[in-house]
Amino acid sequence: MAIIITDDCINCGACEPECPNNAIYEGGMEWRMSDGTALKGNVTTTSGVDLEADTEQEPVSMDLYYIVPDKCTECHGFHDEPQCAAVCPVDCCVDDEDRRESDDELMTKKMFLHAE
């Protein structure tokens, strides 16, 4: 499953630099699939979304830090636990109950994001 940032977020920004997939963005900031990944050109994400890797996408949240679900691997292939949750001072980085993914699916996503 992906991780989400709840409304308890205090916008401290501790989580953002810890993400190995560049999946965390400040509220109101546009995001790109290519940010921090090896993706280029037209891509189809592991959830089936077609987009241009370098095109700016609408922010998921305007007010709080947010995680792009198609880029979140729960740090599989990098760390033993999600680093955003490990550094969050208010424990607002939690499992997204609406987006369940197996360990194999998360590793497939990691390989998709970082294959060269």
C-alpha atoms as a PDB file:
ATOM      1  CA  MET A   1       0.000   0.000   0.000  1.00  0.00           C
ATOM      2  CA  ALA A   2       1.086   3.565  -0.391  1.00  0.00           C
ATOM      3  CA  ILE A   3       1.613   5.899   2.532  1.00  0.00           C
ATOM      4  CA  ILE A   4      -0.537   9.005   2.980  1.00  0.00           C
ATOM      5  CA  ILE A   5      -0.008  12.145   5.014  1.00  0.00           C
ATOM      6  CA  THR A   6      -2.972  12.921   7.240  1.00  0.00           C
ATOM      7  CA  ASP A   7      -4.475  16.263   8.217  1.00  0.00           C
ATOM      8  CA  ASP A   8      -2.363  16.097  11.392  1.00  0.00           C
ATOM      9  CA  CYS A   9       0.636  17.224   9.295  1.00  0.00           C
ATOM     10  CA  ILE A  10       2.363  20.314  10.733  1.00  0.00           C
ATOM     11  CA  ASN A  11       4.203  21.053   7.440  1.00  0.00           C
ATOM     12  CA  CYS A  12       7.616  20.593   9.027  1.00  0.00           C
ATOM     13  CA  GLY A  13       9.038  19.047   5.836  1.00  0.00           C
ATOM     14  CA  ALA A  14      11.061  16.347   7.640  1.00  0.00           C
ATOM     15  CA  CYS A  15       9.628  13.634   5.383  1.00  0.00           C
ATOM     16  CA  GLU A  16      10.397  15.143   1.977  1.00  0.00           C
ATOM     17  CA  PRO A  17      14.189  14.645   1.824  1.00  0.00           C
ATOM     18  CA  GLU A  18      13.899  11.108   3.197  1.00  0.00           C
ATOM     19  CA  CYS A  19      11.882   9.723   0.266  1.00  0.00           C
ATOM     20  CA  PRO A  20      14.034   7.673  -2.133  1.00  0.00           C
ATOM     21  CA  ASN A  21      11.407   8.035  -4.875  1.00  0.00           C
ATOM     22  CA  ASN A  22      10.835  11.778  -4.633  1.00  0.00           C
ATOM     23  CA  ALA A  23       7.173  10.973  -3.980  1.00  0.00           C
ATOM     24  CA  ILE A  24       6.648  13.662  -1.307  1.00  0.00           C
ATOM     25  CA  TYR A  25       5.841  17.244  -2.221  1.00  0.00           C
ATOM     26  CA  GLU A  26       5.012  20.424  -0.350  1.00  0.00           C
ATOM     27  CA  GLY A  27       1.359  21.404  -0.499  1.00  0.00           C
ATOM     28  CA  GLY A  28       0.501  23.361  -3.638  1.00  0.00           C
ATOM     29  CA  MET A  29       3.575  22.178  -5.554  1.00  0.00           C
ATOM     30  CA  GLU A  30       3.133  20.461  -8.909  1.00  0.00           C
ATOM     31  CA  TRP A  31       4.755  17.051  -9.271  1.00  0.00           C
ATOM     32  CA  ARG A  32       6.286  15.000 -12.102  1.00  0.00           C
ATOM     33  CA  MET A  33       6.805  11.256 -12.435  1.00  0.00           C
ATOM     34  CA  SER A  34      10.349  12.029 -13.608  1.00  0.00           C
ATOM     35  CA  ASP A  35      11.296  13.791 -10.346  1.00  0.00           C
ATOM     36  CA  GLY A  36      13.871  11.544  -8.682  1.00  0.00           C
ATOM     37  CA  THR A  37      13.188   8.597 -10.997  1.00  0.00           C
ATOM     38  CA  ALA A  38      14.578   7.204 -14.245  1.00  0.00           C
ATOM     39  CA  LEU A  39      11.274   7.731 -16.079  1.00  0.00           C
ATOM     40  CA  LYS A  40      11.223   9.612 -19.374  1.00  0.00           C
ATOM     41  CA  GLY A  41       8.680  10.206 -22.116  1.00  0.00           C
ATOM     42  CA  ASN A  42       5.212   8.685 -22.104  1.00  0.00           C
ATOM     43  CA  VAL A  43       4.725   6.203 -19.274  1.00  0.00           C
ATOM     44  CA  THR A  44       1.933   4.081 -17.902  1.00  0.00           C
ATOM     45  CA  THR A  45       2.160   3.897 -14.129  1.00  0.00           C
ATOM     46  CA  THR A  46       1.746   0.630 -12.280  1.00  0.00           C
ATOM     47  CA  SER A  47      -1.806   1.755 -11.437  1.00  0.00           C
ATOM     48  CA  GLY A  48      -2.581   2.167 -15.159  1.00  0.00           C
ATOM     49  CA  VAL A  49      -2.383   5.956 -15.507  1.00  0.00           C
ATOM     50  CA  ASP A  50      -0.910   7.221 -18.796  1.00  0.00           C
ATOM     51  CA  LEU A  51       1.084  10.438 -18.628  1.00  0.00           C
ATOM     52  CA  GLU A  52       4.188  12.255 -19.805  1.00  0.00           C
ATOM     53  CA  ALA A  53       6.923  11.769 -17.179  1.00  0.00           C
ATOM     54  CA  ASP A  54       8.172  15.373 -17.411  1.00  0.00           C
ATOM     55  CA  THR A  55       4.767  17.071 -17.414  1.00  0.00           C
ATOM     56  CA  GLU A  56       3.778  18.879 -14.237  1.00  0.00           C
ATOM     57  CA  GLN A  57       0.749  17.329 -12.565  1.00  0.00           C
ATOM     58  CA  GLU A  58      -1.785  19.014 -10.282  1.00  0.00           C
ATOM     59  CA  PRO A  59      -0.938  18.959  -6.565  1.00  0.00           C
ATOM     60  CA  VAL A  60      -2.638  16.241  -4.538  1.00  0.00           C
ATOM     61  CA  SER A  61      -3.017  18.743  -1.674  1.00  0.00           C
ATOM     62  CA  MET A  62      -2.873  22.515  -1.671  1.00  0.00           C
ATOM     63  CA  ASP A  63      -2.239  22.999   2.048  1.00  0.00           C
ATOM     64  CA  LEU A  64      -0.235  20.051   3.389  1.00  0.00           C
ATOM     65  CA  TYR A  65       2.683  17.937   2.297  1.00  0.00           C
ATOM     66  CA  TYR A  66       1.445  15.021   0.226  1.00  0.00           C
ATOM     67  CA  ILE A  67       2.643  11.719  -1.240  1.00  0.00           C
ATOM     68  CA  VAL A  68       2.056  10.767  -4.879  1.00  0.00           C
ATOM     69  CA  PRO A  69       0.693   7.199  -4.601  1.00  0.00           C
ATOM     70  CA  ASP A  70       2.080   6.092  -7.983  1.00  0.00           C
ATOM     71  CA  LYS A  71       5.591   6.954  -6.762  1.00  0.00           C
ATOM     72  CA  CYS A  72       5.372   5.541  -3.222  1.00  0.00           C
ATOM     73  CA  THR A  73       6.953   2.130  -2.681  1.00  0.00           C
ATOM     74  CA  GLU A  74       6.934   2.305   1.133  1.00  0.00           C
ATOM     75  CA  CYS A  75      10.726   2.437   0.674  1.00  0.00           C
ATOM     76  CA  HIS A  76      10.804  -1.206  -0.529  1.00  0.00           C
ATOM     77  CA  GLY A  77      14.170  -1.919  -2.094  1.00  0.00           C
ATOM     78  CA  PHE A  78      15.780   0.959  -0.180  1.00  0.00           C
ATOM     79  CA  HIS A  79      14.974   0.670   3.544  1.00  0.00           C
ATOM     80  CA  ASP A  80      13.326  -1.723   5.999  1.00  0.00           C
ATOM     81  CA  GLU A  81      10.538   0.734   6.800  1.00  0.00           C
ATOM     82  CA  PRO A  82       8.960   3.847   5.275  1.00  0.00           C
ATOM     83  CA  GLN A  83      11.367   6.649   6.047  1.00  0.00           C
ATOM     84  CA  CYS A  84       8.695   9.365   6.025  1.00  0.00           C
ATOM     85  CA  ALA A  85       6.909   7.613   8.899  1.00  0.00           C
ATOM     86  CA  ALA A  86      10.187   7.039  10.741  1.00  0.00           C
ATOM     87  CA  VAL A  87      11.061  10.759  10.826  1.00  0.00           C
ATOM     88  CA  CYS A  88       7.590  12.280  11.208  1.00  0.00           C
ATOM     89  CA  PRO A  89       7.356  14.055  14.570  1.00  0.00           C
ATOM     90  CA  VAL A  90       3.541  13.833  14.692  1.00  0.00           C
ATOM     91  CA  ASP A  91       3.047  10.346  13.203  1.00  0.00           C
ATOM     92  CA  CYS A  92       0.929  11.588  10.295  1.00  0.00           C
ATOM     93  CA  CYS A  93       2.561   9.375   7.628  1.00  0.00           C
ATOM     94  CA  VAL A  94       0.346   6.296   7.728  1.00  0.00           C
ATOM     95  CA  ASP A  95      -0.758   3.378   5.561  1.00  0.00           C
ATOM     96  CA  ASP A  96      -3.308   4.287   2.900  1.00  0.00           C
ATOM     97  CA  GLU A  97      -6.112   1.823   3.636  1.00  0.00           C
ATOM     98  CA  ASP A  98      -7.618   2.523   0.194  1.00  0.00           C
ATOM     99  CA  ARG A  99      -4.488   1.473  -1.688  1.00  0.00           C
ATOM    100  CA  ARG A 100      -3.282  -2.006  -0.793  1.00  0.00           C
ATOM    101  CA  GLU A 101      -0.185  -3.351  -2.547  1.00  0.00           C
ATOM    102  CA  SER A 102       1.764  -6.544  -1.876  1.00  0.00           C
ATOM    103  CA  ASP A 103       5.520  -6.624  -1.300  1.00  0.00           C
ATOM    104  CA  ASP A 104       5.909  -7.944  -4.862  1.00  0.00           C
ATOM    105  CA  GLU A 105       3.812  -5.092  -6.283  1.00  0.00           C
ATOM    106  CA  LEU A 106       5.863  -2.526  -4.346  1.00  0.00           C
ATOM    107  CA  MET A 107       9.130  -4.021  -5.635  1.00  0.00           C
ATOM    108  CA  THR A 108       7.735  -4.010  -9.188  1.00  0.00           C
ATOM    109  CA  LYS A 109       6.889  -0.325  -8.758  1.00  0.00           C
ATOM    110  CA  LYS A 110      10.393   0.373  -7.424  1.00  0.00           C
ATOM    111  CA  MET A 111      11.919  -1.308 -10.476  1.00  0.00           C
ATOM    112  CA  PHE A 112       9.555   0.625 -12.781  1.00  0.00           C
ATOM    113  CA  LEU A 113      10.573   3.947 -11.214  1.00  0.00           C
ATOM    114  CA  HIS A 114      14.312   3.312 -11.186  1.00  0.00           C
ATOM    115  CA  ALA A 115      15.074   0.980 -14.133  1.00  0.00           C
ATOM    116  CA  GLU A 116      17.616   2.495 -16.479  1.00  0.00           C
END
